[in-house]
Amino acid sequence: MPFITQGKTNWKFLLIVIILAVIVGGGALWCARRPEKPYQPVQVNQSEKKTSEIISLDETWNKYTNYKLGFSINIPKFAAISEDNENNIVISNGSYYKWTLMIKAVKNDNELDKLIKERFGSACSFRY
């Protein structure tokens, strides 16, 4: 659709071009002048970043906190702490002793008693 046909001005074509120029130019101007929102970093609670930590209490004891499981325990300074392949917490000094905190979900006392007997033998129980 040429701008000039047979000596006449094509007003429809000219009007469409002007409208498109106004739309594109207005959009570009709006994008250039709109205020940018300042960057606001997300505040993350320190306990959400860490799954666990050890802090010194005194010359003898450290405090181990497991944020994922929601518990803390005081352990001797010389003890090492780790997780095994079943997500159990293992506290040891390397050779003399080894404590394993077994992390399992149980529904009731009977299920807990069954778990203890399976894991540690039929003579063991959580009841006195």
Protein backbone atom coordinates (compact mmCIF):
# COMPACT_ATOMS: atom_id res chain seq x y z
CA MET A 1 0.00 0.00 0.00
CA PRO A 2 2.11 2.90 -1.17
CA PHE A 3 1.94 6.28 0.56
CA ILE A 4 1.07 8.22 -2.62
CA THR A 5 -1.05 6.60 -5.32
CA GLN A 6 -1.87 8.37 -8.57
CA GLY A 7 -1.10 11.80 -7.14
CA LYS A 8 -3.33 11.33 -4.06
CA THR A 9 -2.26 10.91 -0.43
CA ASN A 10 -3.27 7.58 1.14
CA TRP A 11 -4.62 8.89 4.49
CA LYS A 12 -5.52 5.47 5.87
CA PHE A 13 -1.94 4.25 5.46
CA LEU A 14 -0.55 7.47 6.93
CA LEU A 15 -2.93 7.26 9.93
CA ILE A 16 -1.94 3.63 10.65
CA VAL A 17 1.77 4.54 10.53
CA ILE A 18 1.26 7.49 12.90
CA ILE A 19 -0.80 5.41 15.37
CA LEU A 20 1.85 2.66 15.39
CA ALA A 21 4.63 5.24 15.90
CA VAL A 22 2.75 6.75 18.86
CA ILE A 23 2.17 3.32 20.43
CA VAL A 24 5.78 2.17 20.00
CA GLY A 25 7.24 5.51 21.06
CA GLY A 26 4.94 5.79 24.08
CA GLY A 27 5.82 2.26 25.18
CA ALA A 28 9.55 2.95 24.84
CA LEU A 29 9.19 6.22 26.77
CA TRP A 30 7.19 4.53 29.52
CA CYS A 31 9.82 1.76 29.90
CA ALA A 32 12.65 4.29 29.99
CA ARG A 33 11.04 6.56 32.60
CA ARG A 34 9.39 4.10 34.97
CA PRO A 35 11.14 3.93 38.34
CA GLU A 36 13.13 0.80 39.08
CA LYS A 37 12.23 -1.12 42.18
CA PRO A 38 15.21 -1.35 44.50
CA TYR A 39 16.67 -4.81 45.07
CA GLN A 40 15.49 -6.26 48.34
CA PRO A 41 17.31 -9.41 49.40
CA VAL A 42 15.22 -12.11 51.02
CA GLN A 43 15.87 -12.36 54.73
CA VAL A 44 16.73 -15.94 55.64
CA ASN A 45 16.67 -17.06 59.23
CA GLN A 46 20.12 -18.33 60.27
CA SER A 47 18.63 -21.63 61.43
CA GLU A 48 17.08 -22.20 57.97
CA LYS A 49 20.45 -21.93 56.26
CA LYS A 50 22.22 -24.43 58.51
CA THR A 51 21.08 -27.96 59.12
CA SER A 52 23.27 -28.25 62.22
CA GLU A 53 26.01 -26.53 64.19
CA ILE A 54 28.38 -27.07 67.11
CA ILE A 55 29.12 -24.25 69.55
CA SER A 56 31.55 -24.28 72.46
CA LEU A 57 30.00 -24.04 75.93
CA ASP A 58 33.16 -24.23 78.08
CA GLU A 59 36.48 -26.12 78.28
CA THR A 60 34.71 -29.50 78.54
CA TRP A 61 31.47 -29.31 76.56
CA ASN A 62 30.15 -28.38 73.11
CA LYS A 63 26.50 -27.98 72.20
CA TYR A 64 25.36 -29.76 69.04
CA THR A 65 22.14 -28.35 67.51
CA ASN A 66 20.33 -30.05 64.65
CA TYR A 67 17.93 -27.52 63.11
CA LYS A 68 16.50 -29.99 60.63
CA LEU A 69 15.36 -32.39 63.36
CA GLY A 70 14.78 -29.73 66.03
CA PHE A 71 16.97 -30.82 68.96
CA SER A 72 20.16 -29.93 70.83
CA ILE A 73 22.51 -32.08 72.92
CA ASN A 74 25.63 -31.32 74.94
CA ILE A 75 28.60 -33.45 73.86
CA PRO A 76 32.16 -33.71 75.21
CA LYS A 77 34.78 -31.52 73.47
CA PHE A 78 36.75 -34.57 72.32
CA ALA A 79 33.72 -36.19 70.64
CA ALA A 80 33.19 -36.13 66.90
CA ILE A 81 29.68 -35.95 65.48
CA SER A 82 28.42 -37.02 62.05
CA GLU A 83 25.45 -38.50 60.20
CA ASP A 84 25.51 -42.04 58.87
CA ASN A 85 23.90 -43.23 55.62
CA GLU A 86 20.52 -43.69 57.37
CA ASN A 87 20.50 -40.07 58.70
CA ASN A 88 21.23 -41.27 62.23
CA ILE A 89 23.40 -38.95 64.35
CA VAL A 90 26.67 -40.66 65.36
CA ILE A 91 28.71 -39.32 68.30
CA SER A 92 32.10 -40.95 68.88
CA ASN A 93 35.68 -40.40 69.97
CA GLY A 94 37.01 -42.56 67.17
CA SER A 95 37.80 -45.78 69.02
CA TYR A 96 36.56 -46.05 72.62
CA TYR A 97 32.84 -45.37 72.33
CA LYS A 98 30.17 -44.65 69.73
CA TRP A 99 26.66 -43.40 70.41
CA THR A 100 24.09 -43.51 67.67
CA LEU A 101 20.99 -41.32 67.90
CA MET A 102 18.52 -43.23 65.78
CA ILE A 103 16.04 -40.96 64.03
CA LYS A 104 12.82 -42.82 63.18
CA ALA A 105 9.15 -41.87 63.15
CA VAL A 106 6.94 -44.18 65.21
CA LYS A 107 3.19 -43.94 65.73
CA ASN A 108 2.87 -45.39 69.23
CA ASP A 109 4.67 -47.16 72.08
CA ASN A 110 4.14 -50.64 70.60
CA GLU A 111 5.78 -49.61 67.32
CA LEU A 112 8.70 -48.10 69.26
CA ASP A 113 9.10 -51.27 71.35
CA LYS A 114 9.08 -53.38 68.17
CA LEU A 115 11.74 -51.16 66.58
CA ILE A 116 13.99 -51.41 69.65
CA LYS A 117 13.66 -55.20 69.79
CA GLU A 118 14.42 -55.55 66.05
CA ARG A 119 17.43 -53.26 66.23
CA PHE A 120 18.94 -54.24 69.62
CA GLY A 121 17.52 -57.69 70.46
CA SER A 122 14.45 -59.13 72.14
CA ALA A 123 15.79 -58.46 75.68
CA CYS A 124 15.83 -54.68 75.06
CA SER A 125 12.87 -52.39 75.69
CA PHE A 126 12.19 -48.71 76.31
CA ARG A 127 10.02 -49.61 79.31
CA TYR A 128 11.51 -50.24 82.78
